[in-house]
N, C-alpha and C. Protein backbone atom coordinates (compact mmCIF):
# COMPACT_ATOMS: atom_id res chain seq x y z
N MET A 1 1.60 9.46 7.64
CA MET A 1 1.65 9.09 6.24
C MET A 1 2.26 10.24 5.46
N GLY A 2 3.23 9.92 4.65
CA GLY A 2 3.89 10.94 3.85
C GLY A 2 3.10 11.30 2.61
N ILE A 3 3.52 12.35 1.98
CA ILE A 3 2.81 12.85 0.80
C ILE A 3 2.89 11.86 -0.36
N LEU A 4 4.02 11.20 -0.53
CA LEU A 4 4.13 10.23 -1.62
C LEU A 4 3.24 9.02 -1.38
N SER A 5 3.12 8.61 -0.15
CA SER A 5 2.21 7.50 0.18
C SER A 5 0.77 7.90 -0.08
N LEU A 6 0.42 9.13 0.26
CA LEU A 6 -0.94 9.60 0.00
C LEU A 6 -1.24 9.60 -1.49
N ILE A 7 -0.33 10.12 -2.29
CA ILE A 7 -0.54 10.17 -3.74
C ILE A 7 -0.65 8.75 -4.32
N THR A 8 0.14 7.83 -3.79
CA THR A 8 0.16 6.47 -4.31
C THR A 8 -1.05 5.66 -3.87
N PHE A 9 -1.41 5.74 -2.61
CA PHE A 9 -2.40 4.82 -2.07
C PHE A 9 -3.82 5.36 -2.02
N ALA A 10 -4.05 6.63 -2.26
CA ALA A 10 -5.41 7.16 -2.27
C ALA A 10 -6.25 6.50 -3.38
N PRO A 11 -5.75 6.39 -4.62
CA PRO A 11 -6.55 5.70 -5.63
C PRO A 11 -6.76 4.21 -5.32
N LEU A 12 -5.75 3.58 -4.72
CA LEU A 12 -5.89 2.17 -4.36
C LEU A 12 -6.97 1.99 -3.29
N LEU A 13 -6.96 2.85 -2.30
CA LEU A 13 -7.98 2.79 -1.26
C LEU A 13 -9.37 3.06 -1.85
N GLY A 14 -9.45 4.02 -2.76
CA GLY A 14 -10.72 4.29 -3.43
C GLY A 14 -11.22 3.10 -4.22
N ALA A 15 -10.32 2.41 -4.90
CA ALA A 15 -10.71 1.22 -5.66
C ALA A 15 -11.20 0.11 -4.75
N LEU A 16 -10.54 -0.06 -3.61
CA LEU A 16 -10.99 -1.09 -2.66
C LEU A 16 -12.37 -0.76 -2.09
N ILE A 17 -12.61 0.51 -1.83
CA ILE A 17 -13.93 0.92 -1.34
C ILE A 17 -14.98 0.68 -2.42
N ILE A 18 -14.65 1.00 -3.66
CA ILE A 18 -15.58 0.80 -4.77
C ILE A 18 -15.93 -0.68 -4.93
N LEU A 19 -14.95 -1.56 -4.72
CA LEU A 19 -15.22 -2.99 -4.82
C LEU A 19 -16.24 -3.46 -3.79
N MET A 20 -16.34 -2.78 -2.66
CA MET A 20 -17.28 -3.18 -1.62
C MET A 20 -18.66 -2.56 -1.77
N LEU A 21 -18.80 -1.58 -2.67
CA LEU A 21 -20.10 -0.94 -2.86
C LEU A 21 -20.99 -1.79 -3.77
N PRO A 22 -22.30 -1.71 -3.56
CA PRO A 22 -23.21 -2.45 -4.45
C PRO A 22 -23.21 -1.84 -5.86
N LYS A 23 -23.36 -2.70 -6.84
CA LYS A 23 -23.30 -2.25 -8.24
C LYS A 23 -24.51 -1.41 -8.65
N ASP A 24 -25.57 -1.49 -7.90
CA ASP A 24 -26.77 -0.72 -8.25
C ASP A 24 -26.76 0.69 -7.68
N LYS A 25 -25.62 1.13 -7.18
CA LYS A 25 -25.46 2.49 -6.64
C LYS A 25 -24.37 3.23 -7.42
N PRO A 26 -24.64 3.58 -8.68
CA PRO A 26 -23.59 4.22 -9.49
C PRO A 26 -23.17 5.60 -8.99
N ASN A 27 -24.08 6.31 -8.34
CA ASN A 27 -23.72 7.64 -7.83
C ASN A 27 -22.73 7.55 -6.68
N GLN A 28 -22.90 6.55 -5.81
CA GLN A 28 -21.94 6.36 -4.72
C GLN A 28 -20.57 5.96 -5.27
N ILE A 29 -20.58 5.09 -6.26
CA ILE A 29 -19.32 4.66 -6.88
C ILE A 29 -18.61 5.85 -7.50
N ARG A 30 -19.37 6.68 -8.18
CA ARG A 30 -18.80 7.86 -8.82
C ARG A 30 -18.24 8.83 -7.79
N CYS A 31 -18.95 9.02 -6.69
CA CYS A 31 -18.48 9.95 -5.64
C CYS A 31 -17.18 9.45 -5.01
N VAL A 32 -17.09 8.15 -4.74
CA VAL A 32 -15.87 7.60 -4.16
C VAL A 32 -14.71 7.74 -5.14
N ALA A 33 -14.97 7.47 -6.42
CA ALA A 33 -13.92 7.58 -7.43
C ALA A 33 -13.42 9.01 -7.56
N VAL A 34 -14.34 9.95 -7.59
CA VAL A 34 -13.95 11.36 -7.69
C VAL A 34 -13.22 11.81 -6.43
N GLY A 35 -13.68 11.36 -5.27
CA GLY A 35 -13.02 11.72 -4.01
C GLY A 35 -11.59 11.20 -3.94
N ALA A 36 -11.39 9.95 -4.34
CA ALA A 36 -10.04 9.38 -4.31
C ALA A 36 -9.12 10.08 -5.31
N ALA A 37 -9.65 10.36 -6.49
CA ALA A 37 -8.85 11.06 -7.50
C ALA A 37 -8.53 12.48 -7.04
N ALA A 38 -9.49 13.15 -6.42
CA ALA A 38 -9.27 14.51 -5.94
C ALA A 38 -8.24 14.53 -4.81
N LEU A 39 -8.29 13.53 -3.94
CA LEU A 39 -7.32 13.46 -2.86
C LEU A 39 -5.90 13.27 -3.41
N ALA A 40 -5.75 12.40 -4.39
CA ALA A 40 -4.44 12.20 -5.00
C ALA A 40 -3.98 13.46 -5.74
N PHE A 41 -4.91 14.13 -6.41
CA PHE A 41 -4.56 15.35 -7.14
C PHE A 41 -4.13 16.46 -6.19
N ILE A 42 -4.86 16.64 -5.11
CA ILE A 42 -4.50 17.66 -4.12
C ILE A 42 -3.15 17.34 -3.49
N GLY A 43 -2.90 16.06 -3.24
CA GLY A 43 -1.60 15.66 -2.72
C GLY A 43 -0.48 15.97 -3.70
N SER A 44 -0.72 15.76 -4.99
CA SER A 44 0.32 16.07 -5.97
C SER A 44 0.54 17.58 -6.09
N LEU A 45 -0.51 18.36 -5.94
CA LEU A 45 -0.33 19.82 -5.94
C LEU A 45 0.47 20.26 -4.72
N TRP A 46 0.20 19.64 -3.58
CA TRP A 46 0.93 19.96 -2.36
C TRP A 46 2.41 19.60 -2.52
N ALA A 47 2.68 18.44 -3.13
CA ALA A 47 4.08 18.05 -3.35
C ALA A 47 4.77 19.01 -4.31
N ALA A 48 4.07 19.42 -5.35
CA ALA A 48 4.66 20.37 -6.30
C ALA A 48 4.91 21.73 -5.65
N ALA A 49 4.00 22.15 -4.79
CA ALA A 49 4.15 23.45 -4.13
C ALA A 49 5.27 23.43 -3.10
N SER A 50 5.50 22.28 -2.48
CA SER A 50 6.54 22.23 -1.46
C SER A 50 7.90 21.83 -2.03
N PHE A 51 7.98 21.64 -3.33
CA PHE A 51 9.26 21.32 -3.96
C PHE A 51 10.16 22.53 -3.93
N SER A 52 11.41 22.33 -3.54
CA SER A 52 12.37 23.41 -3.45
C SER A 52 13.51 23.15 -4.43
N PRO A 53 13.55 23.86 -5.56
CA PRO A 53 14.57 23.58 -6.57
C PRO A 53 15.98 23.92 -6.12
N GLY A 54 16.15 24.67 -5.06
CA GLY A 54 17.48 25.03 -4.60
C GLY A 54 18.16 23.95 -3.76
N MET A 55 17.40 22.94 -3.37
CA MET A 55 17.98 21.87 -2.55
C MET A 55 18.85 20.95 -3.41
N PRO A 56 19.83 20.31 -2.79
CA PRO A 56 20.66 19.37 -3.56
C PRO A 56 19.81 18.23 -4.10
N GLY A 57 20.19 17.73 -5.24
CA GLY A 57 19.38 16.72 -5.91
C GLY A 57 19.99 15.35 -5.89
N LEU A 58 19.87 14.66 -7.00
CA LEU A 58 20.30 13.28 -7.10
C LEU A 58 21.80 13.09 -6.93
N SER A 59 22.59 14.08 -7.29
CA SER A 59 24.03 13.91 -7.22
C SER A 59 24.52 13.69 -5.78
N ASP A 60 23.85 14.31 -4.82
CA ASP A 60 24.24 14.16 -3.42
C ASP A 60 23.37 13.14 -2.68
N LEU A 61 22.42 12.55 -3.36
CA LEU A 61 21.46 11.62 -2.78
C LEU A 61 20.70 12.23 -1.61
N ASN A 62 20.43 13.50 -1.69
CA ASN A 62 19.59 14.21 -0.73
C ASN A 62 18.25 14.48 -1.40
N LEU A 63 17.44 13.46 -1.52
CA LEU A 63 16.16 13.60 -2.20
C LEU A 63 15.16 14.29 -1.27
N GLN A 64 14.31 15.12 -1.85
CA GLN A 64 13.40 15.93 -1.03
C GLN A 64 12.23 15.15 -0.46
N PHE A 65 11.72 14.19 -1.20
CA PHE A 65 10.49 13.53 -0.78
C PHE A 65 10.70 12.07 -0.40
N VAL A 66 11.83 11.74 0.20
CA VAL A 66 12.12 10.37 0.62
C VAL A 66 11.34 10.10 1.91
N GLU A 67 10.64 8.97 1.93
CA GLU A 67 9.91 8.58 3.13
C GLU A 67 10.65 7.45 3.82
N LYS A 68 10.78 7.57 5.10
CA LYS A 68 11.44 6.53 5.90
C LYS A 68 10.37 5.61 6.47
N LEU A 69 10.56 4.34 6.33
CA LEU A 69 9.58 3.38 6.85
C LEU A 69 9.93 2.93 8.23
């Protein structure tokens, strides 16, 4: 799984997990929400840290974070 997929789908996965939790467990819901948000945030920090401004950009279509499916 690439970094962009992690940033995109971590909150979605967290929301799906929250949908399966019982409503009378607000602390579990809160922990899952914070965990999913933290995972996406850490992934975005990792993407920002690994960004290399010296690489060719959009003009050459050599994008840094392109994921191949």
